[in-house]
Amino acid sequence: MQRLSNLPESQAAVNKFDKIISLGCNCELTWNIRTHFGIERAYPLDWWITPYQALWKLLENRFYDLFNVNNLEVSPDLLTVKDTYFNLLYHHDFKRGEDDRIIDDHIDQQLPLLKQKYDLLVERFFKDPQNKRVLFVRNRDGNIPHLNRDSTPMDKNAFVRLYDLLEKLFPDSEITLLITNCPRYSSVRRRNGCIVWDETANYEDAQYFAGSPRGWKEMFLRNNIFYEDAGALNSVEPYLWRSQVATSCVRSRIPGGR
C-alpha cells in the first residue's frame, strides 16, 4: 500500500479508510467524493455552504438548533436560504418553483420533515466514525456574497485547531484531515492520523459548480486514498440524482465558495 503524499513511509496505513466524510464547504466536494468513490451515504454537511466559523460552531454545538425558523432568511433574489445564527446556506433543502427560485411562503411548512431528516444525518455523523479509520475532507473557505464574510485565516493553525476538535469528538477513531484548495502546508502528524493539504487542478471540464472532475480524480489518486467499502460507480439512479443536484446548482447560480 502506497502512502499519502508528503507522509513518511511509516504512515502508509492512513490512506485506507472505512469512512470518507465531507466537512464542507460546498457541494463541489460531496459531488466529487460520491463520483470518485461511489459513496452514497449522506451526512449533514454534504450540500450546505459553510464557512470555517460556521463549521466550527456546528461541530462545537453538535449541530444544535438547526432550521430554527427565527434564524432563517430567504435571500432577496430567492436563490438560497441563510441560517443567520450559523452563517451558512441551506442551499439544496427548500422547495423551488419552476423558475428555480425558493418558494418563500412555504418555508415553515417544510421544517418538520427537514428537522427529522437532519436529526438522523447528525446522529449518523457522530456514530459512523466511531472506532473507524476516517478521512474528513474540508474544501475551500466558503466565502460567497450571500453570507457574512468569514475572516478566519486559512492557515495551518486553523486546521490544527479543527483536527483537535475532531479528536475530541471522536477519541477512538483514526482521523486524517485532508484540506483542499486552501493555502498549502507541509503535512502534520498527529497521534492517530495526520493533516494533509492539497489542491485540485482545473482542466476546464467543470460540471456546473462541481469543479474539475479530472482535477479531483488526480488529487485523490495522487494521495493514494482508498475507500474500503466502495459501491458501484456506474449505477444509473445515483448518477441521475447527482446530475439533478448539479443542475440545481447551475440554475441557482450560487458558487460554492472559494
Protein backbone atom coordinates (compact mmCIF):
# COMPACT_ATOMS: atom_id res chain seq x y z
CA MET A 1 0.00 0.00 0.00
CA GLN A 2 1.40 3.34 -1.02
CA ARG A 3 1.42 6.33 1.28
CA LEU A 4 -0.40 9.64 1.27
CA SER A 5 1.59 12.43 -0.39
CA ASN A 6 4.35 14.00 1.72
CA LEU A 7 3.97 11.50 4.55
CA PRO A 8 6.77 9.29 5.82
CA GLU A 9 6.60 5.59 4.94
CA SER A 10 5.56 4.67 8.48
CA GLN A 11 2.24 6.47 7.90
CA ALA A 12 1.32 4.27 4.93
CA ALA A 13 -1.83 2.82 6.51
CA VAL A 14 -3.63 6.16 6.70
CA ASN A 15 -4.58 6.11 3.02
CA LYS A 16 -7.08 3.29 3.52
CA PHE A 17 -10.35 4.44 5.08
CA ASP A 18 -13.59 2.97 6.39
CA LYS A 19 -15.39 6.30 6.09
CA ILE A 20 -14.88 9.40 3.93
CA ILE A 21 -16.91 12.35 5.21
CA SER A 22 -17.32 15.88 3.89
CA LEU A 23 -16.80 18.84 6.22
CA GLY A 24 -17.94 21.29 3.52
CA CYS A 25 -17.70 23.99 2.50
CA ASN A 26 -19.78 23.08 -0.52
CA CYS A 27 -21.40 20.59 -2.85
CA GLU A 28 -18.32 20.53 -5.10
CA LEU A 29 -16.61 18.33 -2.54
CA THR A 30 -19.55 15.99 -1.95
CA TRP A 31 -20.22 15.56 -5.66
CA ASN A 32 -16.62 14.52 -6.31
CA ILE A 33 -16.39 12.21 -3.28
CA ARG A 34 -19.52 10.42 -4.45
CA THR A 35 -18.48 10.31 -8.09
CA HIS A 36 -14.94 9.05 -7.44
CA PHE A 37 -15.54 6.60 -4.59
CA GLY A 38 -19.14 5.59 -5.32
CA ILE A 39 -20.26 6.70 -1.86
CA GLU A 40 -23.97 7.46 -1.49
CA ARG A 41 -24.19 7.63 2.30
CA ALA A 42 -25.25 11.15 3.28
CA TYR A 43 -24.06 13.41 6.10
CA PRO A 44 -25.32 16.81 7.27
CA LEU A 45 -22.59 18.98 5.72
CA ASP A 46 -22.84 17.50 2.22
CA TRP A 47 -24.94 20.12 0.47
CA TRP A 48 -24.73 23.25 2.62
CA ILE A 49 -22.33 26.14 2.11
CA THR A 50 -20.38 26.54 5.34
CA PRO A 51 -17.51 28.97 6.03
CA TYR A 52 -14.94 27.89 8.60
CA GLN A 53 -16.59 29.52 11.64
CA ALA A 54 -19.94 28.00 10.68
CA LEU A 55 -18.32 24.57 10.60
CA TRP A 56 -16.67 25.20 13.95
CA LYS A 57 -19.92 26.33 15.59
CA LEU A 58 -21.81 23.35 14.15
CA LEU A 59 -19.28 20.83 15.46
CA GLU A 60 -18.80 22.51 18.81
CA ASN A 61 -22.58 22.66 19.38
CA ARG A 62 -23.15 19.21 17.88
CA PHE A 63 -25.45 20.77 15.24
CA TYR A 64 -27.89 22.00 17.88
CA ASP A 65 -30.77 24.25 16.74
CA LEU A 66 -30.68 23.61 13.01
CA PHE A 67 -33.53 25.05 10.94
CA ASN A 68 -34.73 27.36 13.67
CA VAL A 69 -37.42 29.40 11.92
CA ASN A 70 -36.28 32.54 13.75
CA ASN A 71 -32.84 32.23 12.13
CA LEU A 72 -33.95 31.57 8.56
CA GLU A 73 -33.68 34.24 5.91
CA VAL A 74 -34.56 33.79 2.26
CA SER A 75 -32.14 35.76 0.11
CA PRO A 76 -33.64 38.79 -1.70
CA ASP A 77 -33.00 37.10 -5.07
CA LEU A 78 -34.79 33.93 -3.82
CA LEU A 79 -31.79 31.80 -4.75
CA THR A 80 -30.98 30.34 -1.34
CA VAL A 81 -31.84 30.25 2.39
CA LYS A 82 -29.44 31.58 5.02
CA ASP A 83 -29.17 30.50 8.64
CA THR A 84 -28.29 33.78 10.33
CA TYR A 85 -27.12 32.09 13.55
CA PHE A 86 -24.63 29.72 11.95
CA ASN A 87 -23.94 31.93 8.89
CA LEU A 88 -24.46 29.10 6.43
CA LEU A 89 -26.66 28.40 3.43
CA TYR A 90 -29.22 25.59 3.33
CA HIS A 91 -28.88 25.73 -0.42
CA HIS A 92 -30.48 22.45 -1.52
CA ASP A 93 -33.02 21.85 1.24
CA PHE A 94 -36.02 24.02 0.42
CA LYS A 95 -38.53 23.62 -2.39
CA ARG A 96 -38.22 25.74 -5.51
CA GLY A 97 -40.67 26.83 -8.18
CA GLU A 98 -40.44 26.20 -11.89
CA ASP A 99 -38.12 29.21 -12.16
CA ASP A 100 -35.82 27.52 -9.59
CA ARG A 101 -36.47 30.28 -7.04
CA ILE A 102 -37.16 29.46 -3.39
CA ILE A 103 -40.89 29.36 -2.60
CA ASP A 104 -40.54 31.62 0.42
CA ASP A 105 -44.13 31.45 1.68
CA HIS A 106 -43.82 27.69 2.30
CA ILE A 107 -40.62 27.67 4.36
CA ASP A 108 -42.18 26.94 7.76
CA GLN A 109 -44.28 24.06 6.39
CA GLN A 110 -41.13 22.22 5.32
CA LEU A 111 -39.33 22.45 8.64
CA PRO A 112 -40.74 19.40 10.47
CA LEU A 113 -39.55 16.95 7.78
CA LEU A 114 -36.22 18.75 7.38
CA LYS A 115 -35.57 18.59 11.12
CA GLN A 116 -36.46 14.90 11.17
CA LYS A 117 -34.13 14.22 8.23
CA TYR A 118 -31.20 16.11 9.73
CA ASP A 119 -31.65 14.60 13.17
CA LEU A 120 -30.91 11.26 11.50
CA LEU A 121 -27.99 12.64 9.50
CA VAL A 122 -26.44 14.25 12.58
CA GLU A 123 -26.81 11.01 14.54
CA ARG A 124 -25.08 9.19 11.66
CA PHE A 125 -22.31 11.82 11.52
CA PHE A 126 -21.35 11.15 15.13
CA LYS A 127 -21.94 7.39 15.07
CA ASP A 128 -20.30 6.27 11.81
CA PRO A 129 -16.71 7.35 12.62
CA GLN A 130 -16.57 5.58 15.99
CA ASN A 131 -13.61 3.16 16.12
CA LYS A 132 -13.05 3.62 12.40
CA ARG A 133 -10.33 4.91 10.07
CA VAL A 134 -11.89 8.15 8.90
CA LEU A 135 -10.94 10.67 6.24
CA PHE A 136 -12.56 14.05 6.85
CA VAL A 137 -12.24 16.42 3.89
CA ARG A 138 -12.58 20.21 4.01
CA ASN A 139 -12.70 22.18 0.73
CA ARG A 140 -12.19 25.95 0.23
CA ASP A 141 -13.10 28.78 2.63
CA GLY A 142 -16.84 29.07 1.96
CA ASN A 143 -16.96 32.83 1.46
CA ILE A 144 -19.62 33.84 -1.06
CA PRO A 145 -21.69 37.04 -1.40
CA HIS A 146 -24.85 35.63 0.24
CA LEU A 147 -23.04 35.16 3.57
CA ASN A 148 -21.29 37.40 6.07
CA ARG A 149 -17.61 37.21 5.27
CA ASP A 150 -15.59 34.86 7.49
CA SER A 151 -12.19 36.45 8.03
CA THR A 152 -10.58 33.39 9.64
CA PRO A 153 -7.12 32.92 8.09
CA MET A 154 -6.92 29.59 6.26
CA ASP A 155 -3.54 28.89 7.85
CA LYS A 156 -2.02 25.82 9.46
CA ASN A 157 -3.18 26.81 12.93
CA ALA A 158 -6.85 26.94 11.87
CA PHE A 159 -6.77 23.35 10.69
CA VAL A 160 -4.69 22.09 13.61
CA ARG A 161 -7.44 23.51 15.84
CA LEU A 162 -10.06 21.81 13.69
CA TYR A 163 -8.22 18.50 13.97
CA ASP A 164 -8.05 18.91 17.76
CA LEU A 165 -11.82 19.37 17.83
CA LEU A 166 -12.35 16.27 15.68
CA GLU A 167 -10.11 14.24 18.01
CA LYS A 168 -12.19 15.45 20.94
CA LEU A 169 -15.42 14.45 19.21
CA PHE A 170 -14.07 11.08 18.01
CA PRO A 171 -11.47 9.97 20.58
CA ASP A 172 -11.49 6.32 19.49
CA SER A 173 -11.10 6.97 15.75
CA GLU A 174 -8.06 7.12 13.49
CA ILE A 175 -8.54 10.51 11.86
CA THR A 176 -6.97 12.01 8.78
CA LEU A 177 -7.97 15.55 7.79
CA LEU A 178 -7.49 16.47 4.13
CA ILE A 179 -7.64 20.19 3.31
CA THR A 180 -8.24 21.03 -0.35
CA ASN A 181 -7.99 24.26 -2.30
CA CYS A 182 -6.72 26.36 0.59
CA PRO A 183 -3.16 27.62 1.19
CA ARG A 184 -0.89 24.56 1.34
CA TYR A 185 1.38 23.49 4.18
CA SER A 186 3.57 20.50 4.96
CA SER A 187 1.71 17.51 6.37
CA VAL A 188 1.33 17.31 10.14
CA ARG A 189 1.48 14.05 12.08
CA ARG A 190 -0.98 13.51 14.90
CA ARG A 191 -1.44 10.79 17.49
CA ASN A 192 -3.71 8.57 15.37
CA GLY A 193 -3.51 10.24 11.98
CA CYS A 194 -2.42 13.37 10.18
CA ILE A 195 -3.39 16.61 8.44
CA VAL A 196 -2.68 16.87 4.71
CA TRP A 197 -3.06 19.81 2.31
CA ASP A 198 -3.54 19.53 -1.44
CA GLU A 199 -5.34 21.23 -4.31
CA THR A 200 -7.22 20.27 -7.46
CA ALA A 201 -6.09 21.31 -10.92
CA ASN A 202 -8.58 22.98 -13.25
CA TYR A 203 -8.83 21.25 -16.62
CA GLU A 204 -11.75 23.39 -17.83
CA ASP A 205 -14.02 20.35 -17.56
CA ALA A 206 -16.13 21.74 -14.72
CA GLN A 207 -19.67 20.43 -14.46
CA TYR A 208 -21.74 23.30 -13.10
CA PHE A 209 -20.21 24.08 -9.68
CA ALA A 210 -18.70 20.62 -9.18
CA GLY A 211 -15.21 21.80 -10.04
CA SER A 212 -12.95 19.81 -12.35
CA PRO A 213 -13.74 16.07 -12.14
CA ARG A 214 -10.36 15.26 -13.68
CA GLY A 215 -8.62 17.52 -11.16
CA TRP A 216 -10.39 15.88 -8.24
CA LYS A 217 -9.67 12.39 -9.55
CA GLU A 218 -5.98 13.21 -9.92
CA MET A 219 -5.83 14.62 -6.39
CA PHE A 220 -7.47 11.55 -4.83
CA LEU A 221 -5.17 9.21 -6.79
CA ARG A 222 -2.07 11.29 -6.05
CA ASN A 223 -2.75 10.84 -2.34
CA ASN A 224 -3.46 7.10 -2.76
CA ILE A 225 -6.79 7.37 -1.00
CA PHE A 226 -8.73 4.13 -0.89
CA TYR A 227 -12.27 3.56 0.38
CA GLU A 228 -12.76 0.10 1.90
CA ASP A 229 -16.49 -0.21 1.24
CA ALA A 230 -16.80 1.37 -2.19
CA GLY A 231 -20.09 0.82 -4.02
CA ALA A 232 -20.80 0.71 -7.74
CA LEU A 233 -19.61 3.84 -9.51
CA ASN A 234 -21.80 3.44 -12.57
CA SER A 235 -25.26 2.73 -11.18
CA VAL A 236 -27.86 4.76 -13.08
CA GLU A 237 -30.02 6.04 -10.22
CA PRO A 238 -27.19 7.65 -8.16
CA TYR A 239 -25.78 9.21 -11.33
CA LEU A 240 -29.12 10.78 -12.21
CA TRP A 241 -29.55 12.03 -8.65
CA ARG A 242 -26.11 13.68 -8.67
CA SER A 243 -26.94 15.26 -12.02
CA GLN A 244 -30.14 16.73 -10.63
CA VAL A 245 -28.27 18.30 -7.72
CA ALA A 246 -25.68 19.71 -10.10
CA THR A 247 -28.42 21.13 -12.31
CA SER A 248 -29.92 22.85 -9.27
CA CYS A 249 -26.52 24.42 -8.59
CA VAL A 250 -26.14 25.89 -12.05
CA ARG A 251 -29.69 27.18 -12.22
CA SER A 252 -29.48 28.93 -8.89
CA ARG A 253 -26.11 30.47 -9.76
CA ILE A 254 -24.63 30.15 -6.27
CA PRO A 255 -20.89 29.41 -6.45
CA GLY A 256 -19.57 27.03 -3.83
CA GLY A 257 -17.16 29.39 -2.13
CA ARG A 258 -13.51 29.98 -2.84
